[in-house]
PDB file of N, CA and C in Angstrom:
ATOM      1  N   UNK A   1       9.382 187.719 280.373  1.00  0.00           N
ATOM      2  CA  UNK A   1       8.541 188.205 279.297  1.00  0.00           C
ATOM      3  C   UNK A   1       7.112 187.731 279.540  1.00  0.00           C
ATOM      4  N   UNK A   2       6.177 188.645 279.374  1.00  0.00           N
ATOM      5  CA  UNK A   2       4.776 188.303 279.626  1.00  0.00           C
ATOM      6  C   UNK A   2       4.157 187.694 278.374  1.00  0.00           C
ATOM      7  N   UNK A   3       3.264 186.779 278.609  1.00  0.00           N
ATOM      8  CA  UNK A   3       2.538 186.215 277.471  1.00  0.00           C
ATOM      9  C   UNK A   3       1.075 186.629 277.577  1.00  0.00           C
ATOM     10  N   UNK A   4       0.441 186.748 276.464  1.00  0.00           N
ATOM     11  CA  UNK A   4      -0.979 187.101 276.456  1.00  0.00           C
ATOM     12  C   UNK A   4      -1.649 186.382 275.306  1.00  0.00           C
ATOM     13  N   UNK A   5      -2.936 186.248 275.437  1.00  0.00           N
ATOM     14  CA  UNK A   5      -3.699 185.560 274.398  1.00  0.00           C
ATOM     15  C   UNK A   5      -4.481 186.574 273.584  1.00  0.00           C
ATOM     16  N   UNK A   6      -4.511 186.362 272.305  1.00  0.00           N
ATOM     17  CA  UNK A   6      -5.349 187.184 271.443  1.00  0.00           C
ATOM     18  C   UNK A   6      -6.762 186.651 271.510  1.00  0.00           C
ATOM     19  N   UNK A   7      -7.707 187.547 271.603  1.00  0.00           N
ATOM     20  CA  UNK A   7      -9.090 187.074 271.657  1.00  0.00           C
ATOM     21  C   UNK A   7      -9.500 186.533 270.296  1.00  0.00           C
ATOM     22  N   UNK A   8     -10.341 185.546 270.331  1.00  0.00           N
ATOM     23  CA  UNK A   8     -10.809 184.940 269.085  1.00  0.00           C
ATOM     24  C   UNK A   8     -11.927 185.805 268.513  1.00  0.00           C
ATOM     25  N   UNK A   9     -11.969 185.966 267.214  1.00  0.00           N
ATOM     26  CA  UNK A   9     -13.075 186.729 266.626  1.00  0.00           C
ATOM     27  C   UNK A   9     -14.391 185.986 266.820  1.00  0.00           C
ATOM     28  N   UNK A  10     -15.449 186.746 267.016  1.00  0.00           N
ATOM     29  CA  UNK A  10     -16.760 186.142 267.204  1.00  0.00           C
ATOM     30  C   UNK A  10     -17.244 185.529 265.897  1.00  0.00           C
ATOM     31  N   UNK A  11     -17.820 184.385 266.024  1.00  0.00           N
ATOM     32  CA  UNK A  11     -18.359 183.727 264.829  1.00  0.00           C
ATOM     33  C   UNK A  11     -19.675 184.390 264.441  1.00  0.00           C
ATOM     34  N   UNK A  12     -19.874 184.559 263.164  1.00  0.00           N
ATOM     35  CA  UNK A  12     -21.120 185.162 262.674  1.00  0.00           C
ATOM     36  C   UNK A  12     -22.202 184.092 262.642  1.00  0.00           C
ATOM     37  N   UNK A  13     -23.296 184.378 263.281  1.00  0.00           N
ATOM     38  CA  UNK A  13     -24.407 183.415 263.275  1.00  0.00           C
ATOM     39  C   UNK A  13     -25.520 183.951 262.399  1.00  0.00           C
ATOM     40  N   UNK A  14     -26.296 183.080 261.787  1.00  0.00           N
ATOM     41  CA  UNK A  14     -27.374 183.528 260.904  1.00  0.00           C
ATOM     42  C   UNK A  14     -28.426 184.373 261.615  1.00  0.00           C
ATOM     43  N   UNK A  15     -28.647 184.144 262.945  1.00  0.00           N
ATOM     44  CA  UNK A  15     -29.697 184.941 263.590  1.00  0.00           C
ATOM     45  C   UNK A  15     -29.331 186.407 263.706  1.00  0.00           C
ATOM     46  N   UNK A  16     -28.062 186.754 263.689  1.00  0.00           N
ATOM     47  CA  UNK A  16     -27.676 188.151 263.833  1.00  0.00           C
ATOM     48  C   UNK A  16     -28.218 188.983 262.679  1.00  0.00           C
ATOM     49  N   UNK A  17     -28.151 188.476 261.477  1.00  0.00           N
ATOM     50  CA  UNK A  17     -28.684 189.249 260.361  1.00  0.00           C
ATOM     51  C   UNK A  17     -30.212 189.199 260.344  1.00  0.00           C
ATOM     52  N   UNK A  18     -30.790 188.160 260.917  1.00  0.00           N
ATOM     53  CA  UNK A  18     -32.244 188.050 260.951  1.00  0.00           C
ATOM     54  C   UNK A  18     -32.850 189.034 261.941  1.00  0.00           C
ATOM     55  N   UNK A  19     -32.061 189.477 262.925  1.00  0.00           N
ATOM     56  CA  UNK A  19     -32.576 190.398 263.935  1.00  0.00           C
ATOM     57  C   UNK A  19     -32.402 191.857 263.541  1.00  0.00           C
ATOM     58  N   UNK A  20     -32.255 192.138 262.279  1.00  0.00           N
ATOM     59  CA  UNK A  20     -32.075 193.508 261.806  1.00  0.00           C
ATOM     60  C   UNK A  20     -33.308 194.342 262.166  1.00  0.00           C
ATOM     61  N   UNK A  21     -33.084 195.557 262.550  1.00  0.00           N
ATOM     62  CA  UNK A  21     -34.195 196.449 262.890  1.00  0.00           C
ATOM     63  C   UNK A  21     -35.050 196.686 261.652  1.00  0.00           C
ATOM     64  N   UNK A  22     -36.349 196.760 261.844  1.00  0.00           N
ATOM     65  CA  UNK A  22     -37.232 196.993 260.706  1.00  0.00           C
ATOM     66  C   UNK A  22     -37.138 198.445 260.276  1.00  0.00           C
ATOM     67  N   UNK A  23     -37.168 198.644 259.007  1.00  0.00           N
ATOM     68  CA  UNK A  23     -37.089 199.995 258.459  1.00  0.00           C
ATOM     69  C   UNK A  23     -38.458 200.634 258.547  1.00  0.00           C
ATOM     70  N   UNK A  24     -38.471 201.863 259.026  1.00  0.00           N
ATOM     71  CA  UNK A  24     -39.765 202.535 259.145  1.00  0.00           C
ATOM     72  C   UNK A  24     -40.252 202.975 257.775  1.00  0.00           C
ATOM     73  N   UNK A  25     -41.545 203.116 257.654  1.00  0.00           N
ATOM     74  CA  UNK A  25     -42.143 203.518 256.391  1.00  0.00           C
ATOM     75  C   UNK A  25     -41.780 204.980 256.108  1.00  0.00           C
ATOM     76  N   UNK A  26     -41.336 205.243 254.902  1.00  0.00           N
ATOM     77  CA  UNK A  26     -40.923 206.608 254.582  1.00  0.00           C
ATOM     78  C   UNK A  26     -42.137 207.487 254.307  1.00  0.00           C
ATOM     79  N   UNK A  27     -41.960 208.752 254.590  1.00  0.00           N
ATOM     80  CA  UNK A  27     -43.018 209.718 254.353  1.00  0.00           C
ATOM     81  C   UNK A  27     -42.367 210.905 253.648  1.00  0.00           C
ATOM     82  N   UNK A  28     -42.525 210.962 252.336  1.00  0.00           N
ATOM     83  CA  UNK A  28     -41.839 211.961 251.528  1.00  0.00           C
ATOM     84  C   UNK A  28     -42.165 213.390 251.884  1.00  0.00           C
ATOM     85  N   UNK A  29     -43.435 213.691 252.126  1.00  0.00           N
ATOM     86  CA  UNK A  29     -43.811 215.068 252.436  1.00  0.00           C
ATOM     87  C   UNK A  29     -43.272 215.503 253.787  1.00  0.00           C
ATOM     88  N   UNK A  30     -43.332 214.613 254.770  1.00  0.00           N
ATOM     89  CA  UNK A  30     -42.817 214.952 256.094  1.00  0.00           C
ATOM     90  C   UNK A  30     -41.304 215.148 256.043  1.00  0.00           C
ATOM     91  N   UNK A  31     -40.630 214.308 255.291  1.00  0.00           N
ATOM     92  CA  UNK A  31     -39.176 214.427 255.164  1.00  0.00           C
ATOM     93  C   UNK A  31     -38.811 215.725 254.456  1.00  0.00           C
ATOM     94  N   UNK A  32     -39.522 216.041 253.395  1.00  0.00           N
ATOM     95  CA  UNK A  32     -39.258 217.288 252.661  1.00  0.00           C
ATOM     96  C   UNK A  32     -39.502 218.498 253.561  1.00  0.00           C
ATOM     97  N   UNK A  33     -40.570 218.472 254.331  1.00  0.00           N
ATOM     98  CA  UNK A  33     -40.873 219.586 255.227  1.00  0.00           C
ATOM     99  C   UNK A  33     -39.777 219.743 256.282  1.00  0.00           C
ATOM    100  N   UNK A  34     -39.300 218.633 256.817  1.00  0.00           N
ATOM    101  CA  UNK A  34     -38.236 218.692 257.817  1.00  0.00           C
ATOM    102  C   UNK A  34     -36.946 219.244 257.221  1.00  0.00           C
ATOM    103  N   UNK A  35     -36.593 218.795 256.018  1.00  0.00           N
ATOM    104  CA  UNK A  35     -35.368 219.284 255.376  1.00  0.00           C
ATOM    105  C   UNK A  35     -35.468 220.776 255.048  1.00  0.00           C
ATOM    106  N   UNK A  36     -36.631 221.211 254.608  1.00  0.00           N
ATOM    107  CA  UNK A  36     -36.824 222.643 254.330  1.00  0.00           C
ATOM    108  C   UNK A  36     -36.681 223.444 255.620  1.00  0.00           C
ATOM    109  N   UNK A  37     -37.268 222.940 256.699  1.00  0.00           N
ATOM    110  CA  UNK A  37     -37.184 223.640 257.978  1.00  0.00           C
ATOM    111  C   UNK A  37     -35.727 223.739 258.460  1.00  0.00           C
ATOM    112  N   UNK A  38     -34.996 222.640 258.347  1.00  0.00           N
ATOM    113  CA  UNK A  38     -33.598 222.640 258.778  1.00  0.00           C
ATOM    114  C   UNK A  38     -32.772 223.628 257.955  1.00  0.00           C
ATOM    115  N   UNK A  39     -32.935 223.586 256.650  1.00  0.00           N
ATOM    116  CA  UNK A  39     -32.175 224.489 255.782  1.00  0.00           C
ATOM    117  C   UNK A  39     -32.542 225.941 256.046  1.00  0.00           C
ATOM    118  N   UNK A  40     -33.819 226.209 256.250  1.00  0.00           N
ATOM    119  CA  UNK A  40     -34.269 227.577 256.514  1.00  0.00           C
ATOM    120  C   UNK A  40     -33.660 228.106 257.803  1.00  0.00           C
ATOM    121  N   UNK A  41     -33.666 227.276 258.849  1.00  0.00           N
ATOM    122  CA  UNK A  41     -33.097 227.704 260.126  1.00  0.00           C
ATOM    123  C   UNK A  41     -31.596 227.970 259.998  1.00  0.00           C
ATOM    124  N   UNK A  42     -30.894 227.078 259.308  1.00  0.00           N
ATOM    125  CA  UNK A  42     -29.444 227.246 259.151  1.00  0.00           C
ATOM    126  C   UNK A  42     -29.137 228.502 258.334  1.00  0.00           C
ATOM    127  N   UNK A  43     -29.839 228.676 257.232  1.00  0.00           N
ATOM    128  CA  UNK A  43     -29.562 229.821 256.363  1.00  0.00           C
ATOM    129  C   UNK A  43     -30.025 231.138 256.967  1.00  0.00           C
ATOM    130  N   UNK A  44     -31.074 231.110 257.768  1.00  0.00           N
ATOM    131  CA  UNK A  44     -31.525 232.328 258.437  1.00  0.00           C
ATOM    132  C   UNK A  44     -30.462 232.811 259.420  1.00  0.00           C
ATOM    133  N   UNK A  45     -29.805 231.868 260.081  1.00  0.00           N
ATOM    134  CA  UNK A  45     -28.800 232.216 261.083  1.00  0.00           C
ATOM    135  C   UNK A  45     -27.437 232.549 260.471  1.00  0.00           C
ATOM    136  N   UNK A  46     -27.222 232.260 259.202  1.00  0.00           N
ATOM    137  CA  UNK A  46     -25.892 232.437 258.613  1.00  0.00           C
ATOM    138  C   UNK A  46     -25.927 233.290 257.348  1.00  0.00           C
ATOM    139  N   UNK A  47     -25.689 234.588 257.505  1.00  0.00           N
ATOM    140  CA  UNK A  47     -25.656 235.448 256.320  1.00  0.00           C
ATOM    141  C   UNK A  47     -24.552 235.059 255.329  1.00  0.00           C
ATOM    142  N   UNK A  48     -23.454 234.516 255.842  1.00  0.00           N
ATOM    143  CA  UNK A  48     -22.357 234.112 254.955  1.00  0.00           C
ATOM    144  C   UNK A  48     -22.787 232.979 254.031  1.00  0.00           C
ATOM    145  N   UNK A  49     -23.461 231.978 254.598  1.00  0.00           N
ATOM    146  CA  UNK A  49     -23.953 230.879 253.757  1.00  0.00           C
ATOM    147  C   UNK A  49     -24.986 231.362 252.751  1.00  0.00           C
ATOM    148  N   UNK A  50     -25.867 232.262 253.203  1.00  0.00           N
ATOM    149  CA  UNK A  50     -26.870 232.812 252.271  1.00  0.00           C
ATOM    150  C   UNK A  50     -26.193 233.518 251.116  1.00  0.00           C
ATOM    151  N   UNK A  51     -25.161 234.286 251.424  1.00  0.00           N
ATOM    152  CA  UNK A  51     -24.464 235.035 250.369  1.00  0.00           C
ATOM    153  C   UNK A  51     -23.765 234.076 249.408  1.00  0.00           C
ATOM    154  N   UNK A  52     -23.120 233.032 249.944  1.00  0.00           N
ATOM    155  CA  UNK A  52     -22.440 232.055 249.086  1.00  0.00           C
ATOM    156  C   UNK A  52     -23.426 231.321 248.189  1.00  0.00           C
ATOM    157  N   UNK A  53     -24.610 231.024 248.710  1.00  0.00           N
ATOM    158  CA  UNK A  53     -25.606 230.286 247.938  1.00  0.00           C
ATOM    159  C   UNK A  53     -26.507 231.210 247.126  1.00  0.00           C
ATOM    160  N   UNK A  54     -26.308 232.521 247.283  1.00  0.00           N
ATOM    161  CA  UNK A  54     -27.119 233.526 246.595  1.00  0.00           C
ATOM    162  C   UNK A  54     -28.604 233.338 246.910  1.00  0.00           C
ATOM    163  N   UNK A  55     -28.890 233.216 248.211  1.00  0.00           N
ATOM    164  CA  UNK A  55     -30.264 233.047 248.684  1.00  0.00           C
ATOM    165  C   UNK A  55     -30.622 234.260 249.531  1.00  0.00           C
ATOM    166  N   UNK A  56     -31.780 234.839 249.255  1.00  0.00           N
ATOM    167  CA  UNK A  56     -32.224 236.012 250.009  1.00  0.00           C
ATOM    168  C   UNK A  56     -33.209 235.597 251.088  1.00  0.00           C
ATOM    169  N   UNK A  57     -33.501 236.539 251.970  1.00  0.00           N
ATOM    170  CA  UNK A  57     -34.507 236.269 253.007  1.00  0.00           C
ATOM    171  C   UNK A  57     -35.886 236.070 252.383  1.00  0.00           C
ATOM    172  N   UNK A  58     -36.121 236.687 251.248  1.00  0.00           N
ATOM    173  CA  UNK A  58     -37.388 236.479 250.532  1.00  0.00           C
ATOM    174  C   UNK A  58     -37.486 235.025 250.058  1.00  0.00           C
ATOM    175  N   UNK A  59     -36.364 234.466 249.580  1.00  0.00           N
ATOM    176  CA  UNK A  59     -36.339 233.058 249.170  1.00  0.00           C
ATOM    177  C   UNK A  59     -36.647 232.147 250.356  1.00  0.00           C
ATOM    178  N   UNK A  60     -36.092 232.485 251.512  1.00  0.00           N
ATOM    179  CA  UNK A  60     -36.337 231.675 252.707  1.00  0.00           C
ATOM    180  C   UNK A  60     -37.800 231.768 253.147  1.00  0.00           C
ATOM    181  N   UNK A  61     -38.394 232.946 252.993  1.00  0.00           N
ATOM    182  CA  UNK A  61     -39.811 233.098 253.334  1.00  0.00           C
ATOM    183  C   UNK A  61     -40.671 232.247 252.392  1.00  0.00           C
ATOM    184  N   UNK A  62     -40.301 232.207 251.114  1.00  0.00           N
ATOM    185  CA  UNK A  62     -41.035 231.380 250.153  1.00  0.00           C
ATOM    186  C   UNK A  62     -40.878 229.896 250.487  1.00  0.00           C
ATOM    187  N   UNK A  63     -39.681 229.497 250.883  1.00  0.00           N
ATOM    188  CA  UNK A  63     -39.450 228.101 251.271  1.00  0.00           C
ATOM    189  C   UNK A  63     -40.278 227.736 252.494  1.00  0.00           C
ATOM    190  N   UNK A  64     -40.378 228.652 253.437  1.00  0.00           N
ATOM    191  CA  UNK A  64     -41.190 228.413 254.638  1.00  0.00           C
ATOM    192  C   UNK A  64     -42.671 228.255 254.276  1.00  0.00           C
ATOM    193  N   UNK A  65     -43.126 229.023 253.310  1.00  0.00           N
ATOM    194  CA  UNK A  65     -44.518 228.907 252.849  1.00  0.00           C
ATOM    195  C   UNK A  65     -44.753 227.518 252.231  1.00  0.00           C
ATOM    196  N   UNK A  66     -43.809 227.052 251.436  1.00  0.00           N
ATOM    197  CA  UNK A  66     -43.914 225.712 250.836  1.00  0.00           C
ATOM    198  C   UNK A  66     -43.934 224.657 251.930  1.00  0.00           C
ATOM    199  N   UNK A  67     -43.067 224.826 252.941  1.00  0.00           N
ATOM    200  CA  UNK A  67     -43.012 223.862 254.046  1.00  0.00           C
ATOM    201  C   UNK A  67     -44.358 223.791 254.770  1.00  0.00           C
ATOM    202  N   UNK A  68     -44.958 224.960 255.017  1.00  0.00           N
ATOM    203  CA  UNK A  68     -46.254 224.981 255.703  1.00  0.00           C
ATOM    204  C   UNK A  68     -47.326 224.298 254.863  1.00  0.00           C
ATOM    205  N   UNK A  69     -47.273 224.484 253.550  1.00  0.00           N
ATOM    206  CA  UNK A  69     -48.230 223.809 252.666  1.00  0.00           C
ATOM    207  C   UNK A  69     -48.046 222.289 252.717  1.00  0.00           C
ATOM    208  N   UNK A  70     -46.798 221.854 252.744  1.00  0.00           N
ATOM    209  CA  UNK A  70     -46.537 220.411 252.841  1.00  0.00           C
ATOM    210  C   UNK A  70     -47.091 219.837 254.142  1.00  0.00           C
ATOM    211  N   UNK A  71     -46.852 220.538 255.240  1.00  0.00           N
ATOM    212  CA  UNK A  71     -47.345 220.077 256.540  1.00  0.00           C
ATOM    213  C   UNK A  71     -48.869 220.072 256.543  1.00  0.00           C
ATOM    214  N   UNK A  72     -49.469 221.115 255.989  1.00  0.00           N
ATOM    215  CA  UNK A  72     -50.931 221.206 255.947  1.00  0.00           C
ATOM    216  C   UNK A  72     -51.519 220.056 255.122  1.00  0.00           C
ATOM    217  N   UNK A  73     -50.903 219.762 253.969  1.00  0.00           N
ATOM    218  CA  UNK A  73     -51.364 218.648 253.127  1.00  0.00           C
ATOM    219  C   UNK A  73     -51.209 217.317 253.859  1.00  0.00           C
ATOM    220  N   UNK A  74     -50.134 217.193 254.588  1.00  0.00           N
ATOM    221  CA  UNK A  74     -49.903 215.955 255.342  1.00  0.00           C
ATOM    222  C   UNK A  74     -50.978 215.773 256.413  1.00  0.00           C
ATOM    223  N   UNK A  75     -51.279 216.845 257.118  1.00  0.00           N
ATOM    224  CA  UNK A  75     -52.278 216.758 258.189  1.00  0.00           C
ATOM    225  C   UNK A  75     -53.667 216.467 257.619  1.00  0.00           C
ATOM    226  N   UNK A  76     -53.972 217.001 256.439  1.00  0.00           N
ATOM    227  CA  UNK A  76     -55.301 216.744 255.856  1.00  0.00           C
ATOM    228  C   UNK A  76     -55.422 215.301 255.398  1.00  0.00           C
ATOM    229  N   UNK A  77     -54.311 214.651 255.031  1.00  0.00           N
ATOM    230  CA  UNK A  77     -54.341 213.229 254.634  1.00  0.00           C
ATOM    231  C   UNK A  77     -54.545 212.330 255.833  1.00  0.00           C
ATOM    232  N   UNK A  78     -54.041 212.761 256.990  1.00  0.00           N
ATOM    233  CA  UNK A  78     -54.137 211.931 258.204  1.00  0.00           C
ATOM    234  C   UNK A  78     -55.569 211.879 258.700  1.00  0.00           C
ATOM    235  N   UNK A  79     -56.298 212.966 258.551  1.00  0.00           N
ATOM    236  CA  UNK A  79     -57.684 213.033 259.065  1.00  0.00           C
ATOM    237  C   UNK A  79     -58.613 212.111 258.370  1.00  0.00           C
TER     238      UNK A  79
END
């Protein structure tokens, strides 16, 4: 019969939690613009999802206009 050893669990050291990655600063307008873009692309490609959500291509065009305004406002703040 073979014998084997179970590995010991690693001990938690205080430095491990201290080395946590820093959280990046959030940017609400950029995040909103990205989410609108993602949703628009997904819904444009999927007529079934559009029908289930009762969203028309006109609604998607309006969402794209809002996204462009958000990006434009963001760029004007950076300057």
